């Protein structure tokens, strides 16, 4: 059992990072700390998806020139072994997720700046008291 846990150490790291981010989002009252927790949580999810897309002893899905455009009838004769290639789709999706993460961070920080200008504090409890 211990060998199984040690062999999957990267997944345990992602779980720990997710829990740190989740704890910061739930337990902290400072809005900037909540944003940092959200960013840690998002980063852990991205790292998780990139690591699950890894395949040992695989290569990039780049085909040889003989299989490309203008290869004639010889290209149809060659069989592509799918198990030899890494699936690039999770990596591409995570690039999109990184862009969304940065945009979310920017919008959240802009909102926090506006809240600070209006209420003079970043403490969630004090802001709720000021609203009531």
C-alpha atoms as a PDB file:
ATOM      1  CA  UNK A   1       0.000   0.000   0.000  1.00  0.00           C
ATOM      2  CA  UNK A   2       2.798   2.399   0.902  1.00  0.00           C
ATOM      3  CA  UNK A   3       4.528   1.665  -2.410  1.00  0.00           C
ATOM      4  CA  UNK A   4       1.324   2.594  -4.275  1.00  0.00           C
ATOM      5  CA  UNK A   5       1.059   5.888  -2.385  1.00  0.00           C
ATOM      6  CA  UNK A   6       4.694   6.751  -3.035  1.00  0.00           C
ATOM      7  CA  UNK A   7       4.413   5.854  -6.728  1.00  0.00           C
ATOM      8  CA  UNK A   8       1.573   8.364  -7.123  1.00  0.00           C
ATOM      9  CA  UNK A   9       3.303  11.203  -5.282  1.00  0.00           C
ATOM     10  CA  UNK A  10       2.430  13.787  -7.930  1.00  0.00           C
ATOM     11  CA  UNK A  11      -1.304  13.204  -7.406  1.00  0.00           C
ATOM     12  CA  UNK A  12      -0.863  13.698  -3.665  1.00  0.00           C
ATOM     13  CA  UNK A  13       0.893  17.000  -4.352  1.00  0.00           C
ATOM     14  CA  UNK A  14      -2.042  18.126  -6.501  1.00  0.00           C
ATOM     15  CA  UNK A  15      -4.521  17.134  -3.806  1.00  0.00           C
ATOM     16  CA  UNK A  16      -2.535  19.067  -1.197  1.00  0.00           C
ATOM     17  CA  UNK A  17      -2.379  22.133  -3.451  1.00  0.00           C
ATOM     18  CA  UNK A  18      -6.112  21.928  -4.118  1.00  0.00           C
ATOM     19  CA  UNK A  19      -6.872  21.701  -0.412  1.00  0.00           C
ATOM     20  CA  UNK A  20      -4.590  24.660   0.366  1.00  0.00           C
ATOM     21  CA  UNK A  21      -6.363  26.723  -2.278  1.00  0.00           C
ATOM     22  CA  UNK A  22      -9.803  25.556  -1.138  1.00  0.00           C
ATOM     23  CA  UNK A  23      -8.962  26.337   2.492  1.00  0.00           C
ATOM     24  CA  UNK A  24      -7.775  29.830   1.553  1.00  0.00           C
ATOM     25  CA  UNK A  25     -10.964  30.505  -0.408  1.00  0.00           C
ATOM     26  CA  UNK A  26     -13.249  29.314   2.389  1.00  0.00           C
ATOM     27  CA  UNK A  27     -11.484  30.245   5.639  1.00  0.00           C
ATOM     28  CA  UNK A  28      -9.695  33.528   4.924  1.00  0.00           C
ATOM     29  CA  UNK A  29     -11.522  36.822   5.304  1.00  0.00           C
ATOM     30  CA  UNK A  30      -9.098  38.979   3.314  1.00  0.00           C
ATOM     31  CA  UNK A  31     -10.214  39.208  -0.313  1.00  0.00           C
ATOM     32  CA  UNK A  32      -6.664  39.142  -1.721  1.00  0.00           C
ATOM     33  CA  UNK A  33      -5.940  35.934   0.205  1.00  0.00           C
ATOM     34  CA  UNK A  34      -9.114  34.430  -1.257  1.00  0.00           C
ATOM     35  CA  UNK A  35      -7.913  35.333  -4.757  1.00  0.00           C
ATOM     36  CA  UNK A  36      -4.514  33.764  -4.072  1.00  0.00           C
ATOM     37  CA  UNK A  37      -6.295  30.616  -2.875  1.00  0.00           C
ATOM     38  CA  UNK A  38      -8.376  30.540  -6.060  1.00  0.00           C
ATOM     39  CA  UNK A  39      -5.206  30.886  -8.120  1.00  0.00           C
ATOM     40  CA  UNK A  40      -3.496  28.022  -6.246  1.00  0.00           C
ATOM     41  CA  UNK A  41      -6.582  25.842  -6.765  1.00  0.00           C
ATOM     42  CA  UNK A  42      -6.674  26.579 -10.498  1.00  0.00           C
ATOM     43  CA  UNK A  43      -2.956  25.886 -10.845  1.00  0.00           C
ATOM     44  CA  UNK A  44      -3.335  22.507  -9.118  1.00  0.00           C
ATOM     45  CA  UNK A  45      -6.088  21.526 -11.540  1.00  0.00           C
ATOM     46  CA  UNK A  46      -3.976  22.531 -14.547  1.00  0.00           C
ATOM     47  CA  UNK A  47      -0.994  20.556 -13.250  1.00  0.00           C
ATOM     48  CA  UNK A  48      -3.254  17.556 -12.672  1.00  0.00           C
ATOM     49  CA  UNK A  49      -4.596  17.541 -16.229  1.00  0.00           C
ATOM     50  CA  UNK A  50      -1.159  18.008 -17.778  1.00  0.00           C
ATOM     51  CA  UNK A  51       0.280  15.150 -15.729  1.00  0.00           C
ATOM     52  CA  UNK A  52      -2.561  12.785 -16.635  1.00  0.00           C
ATOM     53  CA  UNK A  53      -1.864  13.407 -20.320  1.00  0.00           C
ATOM     54  CA  UNK A  54       1.704  12.124 -19.927  1.00  0.00           C
ATOM     55  CA  UNK A  55       2.484   8.734 -21.435  1.00  0.00           C
ATOM     56  CA  UNK A  56       5.841   7.062 -20.847  1.00  0.00           C
ATOM     57  CA  UNK A  57       7.873   5.987 -23.869  1.00  0.00           C
ATOM     58  CA  UNK A  58       5.740   8.089 -26.196  1.00  0.00           C
ATOM     59  CA  UNK A  59       6.697  10.831 -28.621  1.00  0.00           C
ATOM     60  CA  UNK A  60       5.180  13.947 -30.079  1.00  0.00           C
ATOM     61  CA  UNK A  61       2.436  13.440 -32.671  1.00  0.00           C
ATOM     62  CA  UNK A  62       4.487  14.722 -35.574  1.00  0.00           C
ATOM     63  CA  UNK A  63       4.238  12.696 -38.759  1.00  0.00           C
ATOM     64  CA  UNK A  64       7.135  12.178 -41.158  1.00  0.00           C
ATOM     65  CA  UNK A  65       7.284  14.031 -44.485  1.00  0.00           C
ATOM     66  CA  UNK A  66       6.558  10.820 -46.381  1.00  0.00           C
ATOM     67  CA  UNK A  67       3.103  10.758 -44.785  1.00  0.00           C
ATOM     68  CA  UNK A  68       2.282  14.390 -45.506  1.00  0.00           C
ATOM     69  CA  UNK A  69       1.019  16.327 -48.490  1.00  0.00           C
ATOM     70  CA  UNK A  70       2.234  15.130 -51.872  1.00  0.00           C
ATOM     71  CA  UNK A  71       3.259  11.682 -50.695  1.00  0.00           C
ATOM     72  CA  UNK A  72       1.098   9.956 -53.251  1.00  0.00           C
ATOM     73  CA  UNK A  73      -0.236   6.460 -52.747  1.00  0.00           C
ATOM     74  CA  UNK A  74       2.575   5.430 -50.354  1.00  0.00           C
ATOM     75  CA  UNK A  75       1.061   7.435 -47.500  1.00  0.00           C
ATOM     76  CA  UNK A  76      -2.016   5.213 -47.358  1.00  0.00           C
ATOM     77  CA  UNK A  77       0.134   2.101 -47.002  1.00  0.00           C
ATOM     78  CA  UNK A  78       1.829   3.223 -43.768  1.00  0.00           C
ATOM     79  CA  UNK A  79      -0.045   2.551 -40.528  1.00  0.00           C
ATOM     80  CA  UNK A  80       0.200   5.037 -37.663  1.00  0.00           C
ATOM     81  CA  UNK A  81       0.612   3.374 -34.264  1.00  0.00           C
ATOM     82  CA  UNK A  82      -1.495   5.552 -31.967  1.00  0.00           C
ATOM     83  CA  UNK A  83       0.015   4.182 -28.760  1.00  0.00           C
ATOM     84  CA  UNK A  84       3.396   5.685 -29.711  1.00  0.00           C
ATOM     85  CA  UNK A  85       2.131   9.279 -29.545  1.00  0.00           C
ATOM     86  CA  UNK A  86       1.139  11.639 -26.750  1.00  0.00           C
ATOM     87  CA  UNK A  87      -2.337  13.138 -26.988  1.00  0.00           C
ATOM     88  CA  UNK A  88      -1.850  16.930 -27.365  1.00  0.00           C
ATOM     89  CA  UNK A  89      -5.483  17.820 -26.626  1.00  0.00           C
ATOM     90  CA  UNK A  90      -5.184  18.054 -22.792  1.00  0.00           C
ATOM     91  CA  UNK A  91      -2.141  20.308 -23.149  1.00  0.00           C
ATOM     92  CA  UNK A  92      -3.945  22.591 -25.569  1.00  0.00           C
ATOM     93  CA  UNK A  93      -6.988  22.748 -23.309  1.00  0.00           C
ATOM     94  CA  UNK A  94      -4.789  23.634 -20.350  1.00  0.00           C
ATOM     95  CA  UNK A  95      -3.235  26.485 -22.334  1.00  0.00           C
ATOM     96  CA  UNK A  96      -6.763  27.803 -22.710  1.00  0.00           C
ATOM     97  CA  UNK A  97      -7.334  27.268 -19.003  1.00  0.00           C
ATOM     98  CA  UNK A  98      -4.193  29.282 -18.213  1.00  0.00           C
ATOM     99  CA  UNK A  99      -5.527  32.177 -20.286  1.00  0.00           C
ATOM    100  CA  UNK A 100      -8.870  31.977 -18.465  1.00  0.00           C
ATOM    101  CA  UNK A 101      -7.027  31.808 -15.121  1.00  0.00           C
ATOM    102  CA  UNK A 102      -5.044  34.959 -15.874  1.00  0.00           C
ATOM    103  CA  UNK A 103      -8.179  36.765 -17.053  1.00  0.00           C
ATOM    104  CA  UNK A 104     -10.058  35.692 -13.921  1.00  0.00           C
ATOM    105  CA  UNK A 105      -7.185  36.897 -11.762  1.00  0.00           C
ATOM    106  CA  UNK A 106      -7.153  40.279 -13.497  1.00  0.00           C
ATOM    107  CA  UNK A 107     -10.908  40.788 -13.147  1.00  0.00           C
ATOM    108  CA  UNK A 108     -10.853  39.665  -9.511  1.00  0.00           C
ATOM    109  CA  UNK A 109      -8.040  42.067  -8.659  1.00  0.00           C
ATOM    110  CA  UNK A 110      -9.842  44.911 -10.440  1.00  0.00           C
ATOM    111  CA  UNK A 111     -12.968  44.192  -8.388  1.00  0.00           C
ATOM    112  CA  UNK A 112     -10.904  44.073  -5.191  1.00  0.00           C
ATOM    113  CA  UNK A 113      -9.390  47.468  -6.005  1.00  0.00           C
ATOM    114  CA  UNK A 114     -12.890  48.876  -6.533  1.00  0.00           C
ATOM    115  CA  UNK A 115     -14.121  47.351  -3.270  1.00  0.00           C
ATOM    116  CA  UNK A 116     -11.148  48.832  -1.403  1.00  0.00           C
ATOM    117  CA  UNK A 117     -11.844  52.277  -2.853  1.00  0.00           C
ATOM    118  CA  UNK A 118     -15.513  52.080  -1.855  1.00  0.00           C
ATOM    119  CA  UNK A 119     -15.181  50.540   1.624  1.00  0.00           C
ATOM    120  CA  UNK A 120     -11.579  51.245   2.654  1.00  0.00           C
ATOM    121  CA  UNK A 121     -10.920  47.643   3.664  1.00  0.00           C
ATOM    122  CA  UNK A 122     -10.397  44.197   2.185  1.00  0.00           C
ATOM    123  CA  UNK A 123     -11.764  42.313   5.187  1.00  0.00           C
ATOM    124  CA  UNK A 124     -14.903  40.436   4.203  1.00  0.00           C
ATOM    125  CA  UNK A 125     -16.581  40.802   7.597  1.00  0.00           C
ATOM    126  CA  UNK A 126     -16.111  44.581   7.662  1.00  0.00           C
ATOM    127  CA  UNK A 127     -17.433  44.914   4.116  1.00  0.00           C
ATOM    128  CA  UNK A 128     -20.564  42.912   5.010  1.00  0.00           C
ATOM    129  CA  UNK A 129     -21.116  45.144   8.076  1.00  0.00           C
ATOM    130  CA  UNK A 130     -20.737  48.257   5.909  1.00  0.00           C
ATOM    131  CA  UNK A 131     -23.257  46.938   3.391  1.00  0.00           C
ATOM    132  CA  UNK A 132     -25.884  46.229   6.076  1.00  0.00           C
END
